[in-house]
């Protein structure tokens, strides 16, 4: 990726400032990601009373990864259910065609 097309973003996560580089089309999703990570870290800091940023970051990463895996599992199950429904529909359509042909 060409660094000339990148812009600098200054963000704050759990009270620490970070400078990030991104392309203009990545900016909104990157800012949403920063907000999510900051919220997770703030929540963990309050709930668990942890003070080390590295520990809080690990717990936040684990929570986000868990949520992502659960989401993917749900989507996978939904896709599988849709495929099964399509297969059933095809079997019913085939049976109806065969029934009409026999008449």
PDB file of N, CA and C in Angstrom:
ATOM      1  N   UNK A   1       0.843  -1.170   0.000  1.00  0.00           N
ATOM      2  CA  UNK A   1       0.000   0.000   0.000  1.00  0.00           C
ATOM      3  C   UNK A   1       0.889   1.233   0.000  1.00  0.00           C
ATOM      4  N   UNK A   2       0.532   2.216  -0.747  1.00  0.00           N
ATOM      5  CA  UNK A   2       1.304   3.447  -0.873  1.00  0.00           C
ATOM      6  C   UNK A   2       1.116   4.311   0.370  1.00  0.00           C
ATOM      7  N   UNK A   3       2.225   4.624   1.065  1.00  0.00           N
ATOM      8  CA  UNK A   3       2.133   5.415   2.291  1.00  0.00           C
ATOM      9  C   UNK A   3       1.702   6.851   2.029  1.00  0.00           C
ATOM     10  N   UNK A   4       1.824   7.330   0.787  1.00  0.00           N
ATOM     11  CA  UNK A   4       1.417   8.698   0.468  1.00  0.00           C
ATOM     12  C   UNK A   4      -0.085   8.873   0.601  1.00  0.00           C
ATOM     13  N   UNK A   5      -0.849   7.799   0.463  1.00  0.00           N
ATOM     14  CA  UNK A   5      -2.305   7.892   0.549  1.00  0.00           C
ATOM     15  C   UNK A   5      -2.803   7.685   1.972  1.00  0.00           C
ATOM     16  N   UNK A   6      -1.891   7.478   2.907  1.00  0.00           N
ATOM     17  CA  UNK A   6      -2.300   7.241   4.293  1.00  0.00           C
ATOM     18  C   UNK A   6      -2.400   8.543   5.062  1.00  0.00           C
ATOM     19  N   UNK A   7      -3.285   8.538   6.038  1.00  0.00           N
ATOM     20  CA  UNK A   7      -3.407   9.687   6.915  1.00  0.00           C
ATOM     21  C   UNK A   7      -3.158   9.263   8.349  1.00  0.00           C
ATOM     22  N   UNK A   8      -2.812  10.217   9.172  1.00  0.00           N
ATOM     23  CA  UNK A   8      -2.505   9.965  10.573  1.00  0.00           C
ATOM     24  C   UNK A   8      -3.753  10.174  11.417  1.00  0.00           C
ATOM     25  N   UNK A   9      -3.988   9.228  12.313  1.00  0.00           N
ATOM     26  CA  UNK A   9      -5.080   9.343  13.274  1.00  0.00           C
ATOM     27  C   UNK A   9      -4.498   9.332  14.666  1.00  0.00           C
ATOM     28  N   UNK A  10      -4.874  10.282  15.469  1.00  0.00           N
ATOM     29  CA  UNK A  10      -4.484  10.293  16.876  1.00  0.00           C
ATOM     30  C   UNK A  10      -5.686   9.839  17.679  1.00  0.00           C
ATOM     31  N   UNK A  11      -5.511   8.737  18.416  1.00  0.00           N
ATOM     32  CA  UNK A  11      -6.612   8.157  19.184  1.00  0.00           C
ATOM     33  C   UNK A  11      -6.174   7.930  20.616  1.00  0.00           C
ATOM     34  N   UNK A  12      -7.166   7.716  21.484  1.00  0.00           N
ATOM     35  CA  UNK A  12      -6.899   7.428  22.879  1.00  0.00           C
ATOM     36  C   UNK A  12      -7.616   6.143  23.255  1.00  0.00           C
ATOM     37  N   UNK A  13      -6.854   5.217  23.846  1.00  0.00           N
ATOM     38  CA  UNK A  13      -7.414   3.966  24.322  1.00  0.00           C
ATOM     39  C   UNK A  13      -7.003   3.818  25.782  1.00  0.00           C
ATOM     40  N   UNK A  14      -7.995   3.740  26.642  1.00  0.00           N
ATOM     41  CA  UNK A  14      -7.790   3.632  28.086  1.00  0.00           C
ATOM     42  C   UNK A  14      -6.812   4.700  28.600  1.00  0.00           C
ATOM     43  N   UNK A  15      -7.023   5.923  28.104  1.00  0.00           N
ATOM     44  CA  UNK A  15      -6.236   7.057  28.570  1.00  0.00           C
ATOM     45  C   UNK A  15      -4.843   7.187  27.979  1.00  0.00           C
ATOM     46  N   UNK A  16      -4.482   6.291  27.093  1.00  0.00           N
ATOM     47  CA  UNK A  16      -3.177   6.383  26.430  1.00  0.00           C
ATOM     48  C   UNK A  16      -3.383   6.792  24.983  1.00  0.00           C
ATOM     49  N   UNK A  17      -2.508   7.677  24.515  1.00  0.00           N
ATOM     50  CA  UNK A  17      -2.611   8.173  23.151  1.00  0.00           C
ATOM     51  C   UNK A  17      -1.782   7.316  22.196  1.00  0.00           C
ATOM     52  N   UNK A  18      -2.355   7.074  21.029  1.00  0.00           N
ATOM     53  CA  UNK A  18      -1.704   6.292  19.992  1.00  0.00           C
ATOM     54  C   UNK A  18      -1.859   7.023  18.668  1.00  0.00           C
ATOM     55  N   UNK A  19      -0.849   6.902  17.828  1.00  0.00           N
ATOM     56  CA  UNK A  19      -0.902   7.456  16.483  1.00  0.00           C
ATOM     57  C   UNK A  19      -0.972   6.285  15.510  1.00  0.00           C
ATOM     58  N   UNK A  20      -1.983   6.316  14.662  1.00  0.00           N
ATOM     59  CA  UNK A  20      -2.216   5.239  13.706  1.00  0.00           C
ATOM     60  C   UNK A  20      -2.182   5.794  12.294  1.00  0.00           C
ATOM     61  N   UNK A  21      -1.808   4.955  11.356  1.00  0.00           N
ATOM     62  CA  UNK A  21      -1.861   5.313   9.947  1.00  0.00           C
ATOM     63  C   UNK A  21      -2.936   4.481   9.276  1.00  0.00           C
ATOM     64  N   UNK A  22      -3.700   5.123   8.387  1.00  0.00           N
ATOM     65  CA  UNK A  22      -4.713   4.384   7.644  1.00  0.00           C
ATOM     66  C   UNK A  22      -5.028   5.122   6.356  1.00  0.00           C
ATOM     67  N   UNK A  23      -5.638   4.402   5.443  1.00  0.00           N
ATOM     68  CA  UNK A  23      -6.114   5.033   4.219  1.00  0.00           C
ATOM     69  C   UNK A  23      -7.455   5.691   4.524  1.00  0.00           C
ATOM     70  N   UNK A  24      -7.851   6.657   3.725  1.00  0.00           N
ATOM     71  CA  UNK A  24      -9.135   7.330   3.977  1.00  0.00           C
ATOM     72  C   UNK A  24     -10.328   6.371   4.025  1.00  0.00           C
ATOM     73  N   UNK A  25     -10.321   5.318   3.212  1.00  0.00           N
ATOM     74  CA  UNK A  25     -11.450   4.387   3.222  1.00  0.00           C
ATOM     75  C   UNK A  25     -11.446   3.459   4.434  1.00  0.00           C
ATOM     76  N   UNK A  26     -10.340   3.375   5.153  1.00  0.00           N
ATOM     77  CA  UNK A  26     -10.254   2.565   6.370  1.00  0.00           C
ATOM     78  C   UNK A  26     -10.582   3.358   7.635  1.00  0.00           C
ATOM     79  N   UNK A  27     -10.642   4.674   7.525  1.00  0.00           N
ATOM     80  CA  UNK A  27     -10.728   5.540   8.695  1.00  0.00           C
ATOM     81  C   UNK A  27     -11.937   5.247   9.573  1.00  0.00           C
ATOM     82  N   UNK A  28     -13.131   5.157   8.998  1.00  0.00           N
ATOM     83  CA  UNK A  28     -14.326   4.982   9.831  1.00  0.00           C
ATOM     84  C   UNK A  28     -14.326   3.630  10.536  1.00  0.00           C
ATOM     85  N   UNK A  29     -13.909   2.567   9.858  1.00  0.00           N
ATOM     86  CA  UNK A  29     -13.885   1.258  10.521  1.00  0.00           C
ATOM     87  C   UNK A  29     -12.774   1.190  11.562  1.00  0.00           C
ATOM     88  N   UNK A  30     -11.672   1.865  11.315  1.00  0.00           N
ATOM     89  CA  UNK A  30     -10.599   1.898  12.308  1.00  0.00           C
ATOM     90  C   UNK A  30     -11.039   2.665  13.550  1.00  0.00           C
ATOM     91  N   UNK A  31     -11.724   3.775  13.365  1.00  0.00           N
ATOM     92  CA  UNK A  31     -12.233   4.533  14.512  1.00  0.00           C
ATOM     93  C   UNK A  31     -13.267   3.729  15.294  1.00  0.00           C
ATOM     94  N   UNK A  32     -14.099   2.972  14.588  1.00  0.00           N
ATOM     95  CA  UNK A  32     -15.063   2.099  15.271  1.00  0.00           C
ATOM     96  C   UNK A  32     -14.331   1.017  16.055  1.00  0.00           C
ATOM     97  N   UNK A  33     -13.249   0.503  15.502  1.00  0.00           N
ATOM     98  CA  UNK A  33     -12.447  -0.503  16.197  1.00  0.00           C
ATOM     99  C   UNK A  33     -11.797   0.077  17.445  1.00  0.00           C
ATOM    100  N   UNK A  34     -11.295   1.291  17.335  1.00  0.00           N
ATOM    101  CA  UNK A  34     -10.692   1.969  18.490  1.00  0.00           C
ATOM    102  C   UNK A  34     -11.742   2.146  19.587  1.00  0.00           C
ATOM    103  N   UNK A  35     -12.947   2.556  19.213  1.00  0.00           N
ATOM    104  CA  UNK A  35     -14.021   2.736  20.187  1.00  0.00           C
ATOM    105  C   UNK A  35     -14.354   1.420  20.875  1.00  0.00           C
ATOM    106  N   UNK A  36     -14.454   0.341  20.108  1.00  0.00           N
ATOM    107  CA  UNK A  36     -14.754  -0.974  20.672  1.00  0.00           C
ATOM    108  C   UNK A  36     -13.671  -1.415  21.646  1.00  0.00           C
ATOM    109  N   UNK A  37     -12.424  -1.299  21.238  1.00  0.00           N
ATOM    110  CA  UNK A  37     -11.316  -1.717  22.101  1.00  0.00           C
ATOM    111  C   UNK A  37     -11.275  -0.858  23.368  1.00  0.00           C
ATOM    112  N   UNK A  38     -11.466   0.441  23.216  1.00  0.00           N
ATOM    113  CA  UNK A  38     -11.458   1.325  24.385  1.00  0.00           C
ATOM    114  C   UNK A  38     -12.586   0.965  25.344  1.00  0.00           C
ATOM    115  N   UNK A  39     -13.780   0.715  24.817  1.00  0.00           N
ATOM    116  CA  UNK A  39     -14.909   0.343  25.669  1.00  0.00           C
ATOM    117  C   UNK A  39     -14.647  -0.972  26.399  1.00  0.00           C
ATOM    118  N   UNK A  40     -14.109  -1.955  25.691  1.00  0.00           N
ATOM    119  CA  UNK A  40     -13.799  -3.244  26.328  1.00  0.00           C
ATOM    120  C   UNK A  40     -12.768  -3.057  27.430  1.00  0.00           C
ATOM    121  N   UNK A  41     -11.731  -2.303  27.137  1.00  0.00           N
ATOM    122  CA  UNK A  41     -10.671  -2.107  28.121  1.00  0.00           C
ATOM    123  C   UNK A  41     -11.179  -1.325  29.326  1.00  0.00           C
ATOM    124  N   UNK A  42     -12.008  -0.303  29.089  1.00  0.00           N
ATOM    125  CA  UNK A  42     -12.590   0.463  30.195  1.00  0.00           C
ATOM    126  C   UNK A  42     -13.442  -0.448  31.078  1.00  0.00           C
ATOM    127  N   UNK A  43     -14.244  -1.283  30.444  1.00  0.00           N
ATOM    128  CA  UNK A  43     -15.125  -2.195  31.176  1.00  0.00           C
ATOM    129  C   UNK A  43     -14.321  -3.188  32.017  1.00  0.00           C
ATOM    130  N   UNK A  44     -13.294  -3.762  31.436  1.00  0.00           N
ATOM    131  CA  UNK A  44     -12.450  -4.722  32.161  1.00  0.00           C
ATOM    132  C   UNK A  44     -11.734  -4.041  33.316  1.00  0.00           C
ATOM    133  N   UNK A  45     -11.243  -2.845  33.080  1.00  0.00           N
ATOM    134  CA  UNK A  45     -10.555  -2.075  34.119  1.00  0.00           C
ATOM    135  C   UNK A  45     -11.491  -1.841  35.311  1.00  0.00           C
ATOM    136  N   UNK A  46     -12.743  -1.477  35.033  1.00  0.00           N
ATOM    137  CA  UNK A  46     -13.711  -1.223  36.106  1.00  0.00           C
ATOM    138  C   UNK A  46     -14.153  -2.508  36.800  1.00  0.00           C
ATOM    139  N   UNK A  47     -14.428  -3.555  36.022  1.00  0.00           N
ATOM    140  CA  UNK A  47     -14.949  -4.802  36.583  1.00  0.00           C
ATOM    141  C   UNK A  47     -13.903  -5.579  37.365  1.00  0.00           C
ATOM    142  N   UNK A  48     -12.700  -5.651  36.835  1.00  0.00           N
ATOM    143  CA  UNK A  48     -11.682  -6.515  37.427  1.00  0.00           C
ATOM    144  C   UNK A  48     -10.667  -5.758  38.265  1.00  0.00           C
ATOM    145  N   UNK A  49     -10.668  -4.456  38.150  1.00  0.00           N
ATOM    146  CA  UNK A  49      -9.734  -3.664  38.935  1.00  0.00           C
ATOM    147  C   UNK A  49      -8.280  -3.816  38.498  1.00  0.00           C
ATOM    148  N   UNK A  50      -8.068  -4.297  37.284  1.00  0.00           N
ATOM    149  CA  UNK A  50      -6.701  -4.441  36.789  1.00  0.00           C
ATOM    150  C   UNK A  50      -6.137  -3.069  36.454  1.00  0.00           C
ATOM    151  N   UNK A  51      -4.838  -2.915  36.669  1.00  0.00           N
ATOM    152  CA  UNK A  51      -4.230  -1.622  36.360  1.00  0.00           C
ATOM    153  C   UNK A  51      -3.221  -1.709  35.224  1.00  0.00           C
ATOM    154  N   UNK A  52      -2.672  -2.873  34.972  1.00  0.00           N
ATOM    155  CA  UNK A  52      -1.682  -3.005  33.899  1.00  0.00           C
ATOM    156  C   UNK A  52      -2.343  -3.018  32.532  1.00  0.00           C
ATOM    157  N   UNK A  53      -1.931  -2.089  31.677  1.00  0.00           N
ATOM    158  CA  UNK A  53      -2.518  -1.989  30.346  1.00  0.00           C
ATOM    159  C   UNK A  53      -2.355  -3.284  29.552  1.00  0.00           C
ATOM    160  N   UNK A  54      -1.221  -3.960  29.740  1.00  0.00           N
ATOM    161  CA  UNK A  54      -0.999  -5.185  28.977  1.00  0.00           C
ATOM    162  C   UNK A  54      -1.991  -6.273  29.379  1.00  0.00           C
ATOM    163  N   UNK A  55      -2.256  -6.427  30.670  1.00  0.00           N
ATOM    164  CA  UNK A  55      -3.227  -7.423  31.120  1.00  0.00           C
ATOM    165  C   UNK A  55      -4.632  -7.059  30.658  1.00  0.00           C
ATOM    166  N   UNK A  56      -4.979  -5.802  30.776  1.00  0.00           N
ATOM    167  CA  UNK A  56      -6.298  -5.352  30.338  1.00  0.00           C
ATOM    168  C   UNK A  56      -6.448  -5.579  28.837  1.00  0.00           C
ATOM    169  N   UNK A  57      -5.400  -5.295  28.071  1.00  0.00           N
ATOM    170  CA  UNK A  57      -5.448  -5.487  26.620  1.00  0.00           C
ATOM    171  C   UNK A  57      -5.632  -6.960  26.265  1.00  0.00           C
ATOM    172  N   UNK A  58      -4.969  -7.848  26.999  1.00  0.00           N
ATOM    173  CA  UNK A  58      -5.112  -9.286  26.737  1.00  0.00           C
ATOM    174  C   UNK A  58      -6.540  -9.726  27.017  1.00  0.00           C
ATOM    175  N   UNK A  59      -7.116  -9.305  28.139  1.00  0.00           N
ATOM    176  CA  UNK A  59      -8.495  -9.677  28.446  1.00  0.00           C
ATOM    177  C   UNK A  59      -9.464  -9.099  27.422  1.00  0.00           C
ATOM    178  N   UNK A  60      -9.225  -7.876  26.984  1.00  0.00           N
ATOM    179  CA  UNK A  60     -10.083  -7.264  25.965  1.00  0.00           C
ATOM    180  C   UNK A  60      -9.971  -8.045  24.654  1.00  0.00           C
ATOM    181  N   UNK A  61      -8.760  -8.409  24.283  1.00  0.00           N
ATOM    182  CA  UNK A  61      -8.559  -9.189  23.056  1.00  0.00           C
ATOM    183  C   UNK A  61      -9.274 -10.528  23.146  1.00  0.00           C
ATOM    184  N   UNK A  62      -9.201 -11.163  24.304  1.00  0.00           N
ATOM    185  CA  UNK A  62      -9.885 -12.446  24.487  1.00  0.00           C
ATOM    186  C   UNK A  62     -11.401 -12.290  24.374  1.00  0.00           C
ATOM    187  N   UNK A  63     -11.946 -11.239  24.971  1.00  0.00           N
ATOM    188  CA  UNK A  63     -13.396 -11.013  24.885  1.00  0.00           C
ATOM    189  C   UNK A  63     -13.824 -10.741  23.452  1.00  0.00           C
ATOM    190  N   UNK A  64     -13.071  -9.915  22.756  1.00  0.00           N
ATOM    191  CA  UNK A  64     -13.410  -9.586  21.368  1.00  0.00           C
ATOM    192  C   UNK A  64     -13.290 -10.830  20.487  1.00  0.00           C
ATOM    193  N   UNK A  65     -12.238 -11.621  20.685  1.00  0.00           N
ATOM    194  CA  UNK A  65     -12.063 -12.854  19.915  1.00  0.00           C
ATOM    195  C   UNK A  65     -13.203 -13.831  20.189  1.00  0.00           C
ATOM    196  N   UNK A  66     -13.595 -13.947  21.454  1.00  0.00           N
ATOM    197  CA  UNK A  66     -14.697 -14.837  21.818  1.00  0.00           C
ATOM    198  C   UNK A  66     -15.991 -14.389  21.132  1.00  0.00           C
ATOM    199  N   UNK A  67     -16.276 -13.102  21.175  1.00  0.00           N
ATOM    200  CA  UNK A  67     -17.480 -12.579  20.535  1.00  0.00           C
ATOM    201  C   UNK A  67     -17.448 -12.824  19.028  1.00  0.00           C
ATOM    202  N   UNK A  68     -16.284 -12.642  18.415  1.00  0.00           N
ATOM    203  CA  UNK A  68     -16.140 -12.874  16.979  1.00  0.00           C
ATOM    204  C   UNK A  68     -16.373 -14.345  16.644  1.00  0.00           C
ATOM    205  N   UNK A  69     -15.793 -15.234  17.424  1.00  0.00           N
ATOM    206  CA  UNK A  69     -15.978 -16.666  17.183  1.00  0.00           C
ATOM    207  C   UNK A  69     -17.433 -17.074  17.373  1.00  0.00           C
ATOM    208  N   UNK A  70     -18.103 -16.528  18.397  1.00  0.00           N
ATOM    209  CA  UNK A  70     -19.515 -16.827  18.611  1.00  0.00           C
ATOM    210  C   UNK A  70     -20.357 -16.322  17.440  1.00  0.00           C
ATOM    211  N   UNK A  71     -20.024 -15.138  16.961  1.00  0.00           N
ATOM    212  CA  UNK A  71     -20.730 -14.563  15.814  1.00  0.00           C
ATOM    213  C   UNK A  71     -20.532 -15.433  14.574  1.00  0.00           C
ATOM    214  N   UNK A  72     -19.296 -15.859  14.329  1.00  0.00           N
ATOM    215  CA  UNK A  72     -18.995 -16.709  13.183  1.00  0.00           C
ATOM    216  C   UNK A  72     -19.695 -18.053  13.305  1.00  0.00           C
ATOM    217  N   UNK A  73     -19.732 -18.602  14.518  1.00  0.00           N
ATOM    218  CA  UNK A  73     -20.417 -19.874  14.748  1.00  0.00           C
ATOM    219  C   UNK A  73     -21.907 -19.729  14.456  1.00  0.00           C
ATOM    220  N   UNK A  74     -22.494 -18.637  14.913  1.00  0.00           N
ATOM    221  CA  UNK A  74     -23.917 -18.371  14.657  1.00  0.00           C
ATOM    222  C   UNK A  74     -24.173 -18.238  13.160  1.00  0.00           C
ATOM    223  N   UNK A  75     -23.303 -17.483  12.468  1.00  0.00           N
ATOM    224  CA  UNK A  75     -23.457 -17.310  11.020  1.00  0.00           C
ATOM    225  C   UNK A  75     -23.298 -18.634  10.290  1.00  0.00           C
ATOM    226  N   UNK A  76     -22.364 -19.451  10.751  1.00  0.00           N
ATOM    227  CA  UNK A  76     -22.143 -20.758  10.146  1.00  0.00           C
ATOM    228  C   UNK A  76     -23.366 -21.643  10.315  1.00  0.00           C
ATOM    229  N   UNK A  77     -23.957 -21.626  11.514  1.00  0.00           N
ATOM    230  CA  UNK A  77     -25.167 -22.413  11.774  1.00  0.00           C
ATOM    231  C   UNK A  77     -26.321 -21.911  10.917  1.00  0.00           C
ATOM    232  N   UNK A  78     -26.431 -20.599  10.751  1.00  0.00           N
ATOM    233  CA  UNK A  78     -27.488 -20.026   9.921  1.00  0.00           C
ATOM    234  C   UNK A  78     -27.300 -20.421   8.465  1.00  0.00           C
ATOM    235  N   UNK A  79     -26.060 -20.398   8.002  1.00  0.00           N
ATOM    236  CA  UNK A  79     -25.765 -20.792   6.629  1.00  0.00           C
ATOM    237  C   UNK A  79     -26.098 -22.263   6.424  1.00  0.00           C
ATOM    238  N   UNK A  80     -25.726 -23.102   7.377  1.00  0.00           N
ATOM    239  CA  UNK A  80     -26.021 -24.533   7.293  1.00  0.00           C
ATOM    240  C   UNK A  80     -27.529 -24.765   7.265  1.00  0.00           C
ATOM    241  N   UNK A  81     -28.273 -24.057   8.095  1.00  0.00           N
ATOM    242  CA  UNK A  81     -29.733 -24.193   8.115  1.00  0.00           C
ATOM    243  C   UNK A  81     -30.327 -23.767   6.776  1.00  0.00           C
ATOM    244  N   UNK A  82     -29.823 -22.680   6.203  1.00  0.00           N
ATOM    245  CA  UNK A  82     -30.306 -22.219   4.902  1.00  0.00           C
ATOM    246  C   UNK A  82     -30.030 -23.252   3.820  1.00  0.00           C
ATOM    247  N   UNK A  83     -28.857 -23.865   3.867  1.00  0.00           N
ATOM    248  CA  UNK A  83     -28.521 -24.886   2.882  1.00  0.00           C
ATOM    249  C   UNK A  83     -29.430 -26.106   3.027  1.00  0.00           C
ATOM    250  N   UNK A  84     -29.732 -26.475   4.267  1.00  0.00           N
ATOM    251  CA  UNK A  84     -30.623 -27.612   4.495  1.00  0.00           C
ATOM    252  C   UNK A  84     -32.033 -27.303   3.984  1.00  0.00           C
ATOM    253  N   UNK A  85     -32.496 -26.086   4.236  1.00  0.00           N
ATOM    254  CA  UNK A  85     -33.817 -25.681   3.742  1.00  0.00           C
ATOM    255  C   UNK A  85     -33.846 -25.704   2.226  1.00  0.00           C
ATOM    256  N   UNK A  86     -32.798 -25.193   1.597  1.00  0.00           N
ATOM    257  CA  UNK A  86     -32.727 -25.227   0.130  1.00  0.00           C
ATOM    258  C   UNK A  86     -32.740 -26.653  -0.388  1.00  0.00           C
ATOM    259  N   UNK A  87     -32.012 -27.551   0.269  1.00  0.00           N
ATOM    260  CA  UNK A  87     -31.996 -28.958  -0.145  1.00  0.00           C
ATOM    261  C   UNK A  87     -33.383 -29.584  -0.009  1.00  0.00           C
ATOM    262  N   UNK A  88     -34.074 -29.276   1.079  1.00  0.00           N
ATOM    263  CA  UNK A  88     -35.433 -29.790   1.281  1.00  0.00           C
ATOM    264  C   UNK A  88     -36.365 -29.242   0.203  1.00  0.00           C
ATOM    265  N   UNK A  89     -36.242 -27.939  -0.086  1.00  0.00           N
ATOM    266  CA  UNK A  89     -37.077 -27.334  -1.132  1.00  0.00           C
ATOM    267  C   UNK A  89     -36.833 -28.002  -2.478  1.00  0.00           C
ATOM    268  N   UNK A  90     -35.577 -28.270  -2.785  1.00  0.00           N
ATOM    269  CA  UNK A  90     -35.249 -28.936  -4.046  1.00  0.00           C
ATOM    270  C   UNK A  90     -35.829 -30.347  -4.082  1.00  0.00           C
ATOM    271  N   UNK A  91     -35.763 -31.058  -2.961  1.00  0.00           N
ATOM    272  CA  UNK A  91     -36.315 -32.410  -2.903  1.00  0.00           C
ATOM    273  C   UNK A  91     -37.830 -32.374  -3.082  1.00  0.00           C
ATOM    274  N   UNK A  92     -38.500 -31.411  -2.457  1.00  0.00           N
ATOM    275  CA  UNK A  92     -39.954 -31.270  -2.602  1.00  0.00           C
ATOM    276  C   UNK A  92     -40.296 -30.928  -4.051  1.00  0.00           C
ATOM    277  N   UNK A  93     -39.569 -29.976  -4.646  1.00  0.00           N
ATOM    278  CA  UNK A  93     -39.805 -29.609  -6.045  1.00  0.00           C
ATOM    279  C   UNK A  93     -39.633 -30.812  -6.967  1.00  0.00           C
ATOM    280  N   UNK A  94     -38.587 -31.600  -6.714  1.00  0.00           N
ATOM    281  CA  UNK A  94     -38.329 -32.786  -7.532  1.00  0.00           C
ATOM    282  C   UNK A  94     -39.461 -33.808  -7.362  1.00  0.00           C
ATOM    283  N   UNK A  95     -39.893 -33.997  -6.140  1.00  0.00           N
ATOM    284  CA  UNK A  95     -40.984 -34.947  -5.884  1.00  0.00           C
ATOM    285  C   UNK A  95     -42.266 -34.478  -6.573  1.00  0.00           C
ATOM    286  N   UNK A  96     -42.539 -33.180  -6.545  1.00  0.00           N
ATOM    287  CA  UNK A  96     -43.738 -32.654  -7.219  1.00  0.00           C
ATOM    288  C   UNK A  96     -43.648 -32.838  -8.727  1.00  0.00           C
ATOM    289  N   UNK A  97     -42.463 -32.607  -9.286  1.00  0.00           N
ATOM    290  CA  UNK A  97     -42.264 -32.790 -10.716  1.00  0.00           C
ATOM    291  C   UNK A  97     -42.492 -34.255 -11.103  1.00  0.00           C
ATOM    292  N   UNK A  98     -41.940 -35.136 -10.311  1.00  0.00           N
ATOM    293  CA  UNK A  98     -42.090 -36.569 -10.575  1.00  0.00           C
ATOM    294  C   UNK A  98     -43.555 -36.981 -10.431  1.00  0.00           C
ATOM    295  N   UNK A  99     -44.235 -36.398  -9.462  1.00  0.00           N
ATOM    296  CA  UNK A  99     -45.663 -36.693  -9.247  1.00  0.00           C
ATOM    297  C   UNK A  99     -46.486 -36.208 -10.417  1.00  0.00           C
ATOM    298  N   UNK A 100     -46.186 -35.002 -10.922  1.00  0.00           N
ATOM    299  CA  UNK A 100     -46.903 -34.463 -12.088  1.00  0.00           C
ATOM    300  C   UNK A 100     -46.630 -35.277 -13.336  1.00  0.00           C
ATOM    301  N   UNK A 101     -45.410 -35.788 -13.477  1.00  0.00           N
ATOM    302  CA  UNK A 101     -45.041 -36.591 -14.638  1.00  0.00           C
ATOM    303  C   UNK A 101     -45.765 -37.932 -14.621  1.00  0.00           C
ATOM    304  N   UNK A 102     -45.967 -38.470 -13.442  1.00  0.00           N
ATOM    305  CA  UNK A 102     -46.615 -39.777 -13.312  1.00  0.00           C
ATOM    306  C   UNK A 102     -48.107 -39.686 -13.583  1.00  0.00           C
ATOM    307  N   UNK A 103     -48.706 -38.525 -13.445  1.00  0.00           N
ATOM    308  CA  UNK A 103     -50.154 -38.386 -13.606  1.00  0.00           C
ATOM    309  C   UNK A 103     -50.578 -38.410 -15.041  1.00  0.00           C
TER     310      UNK A 103
END
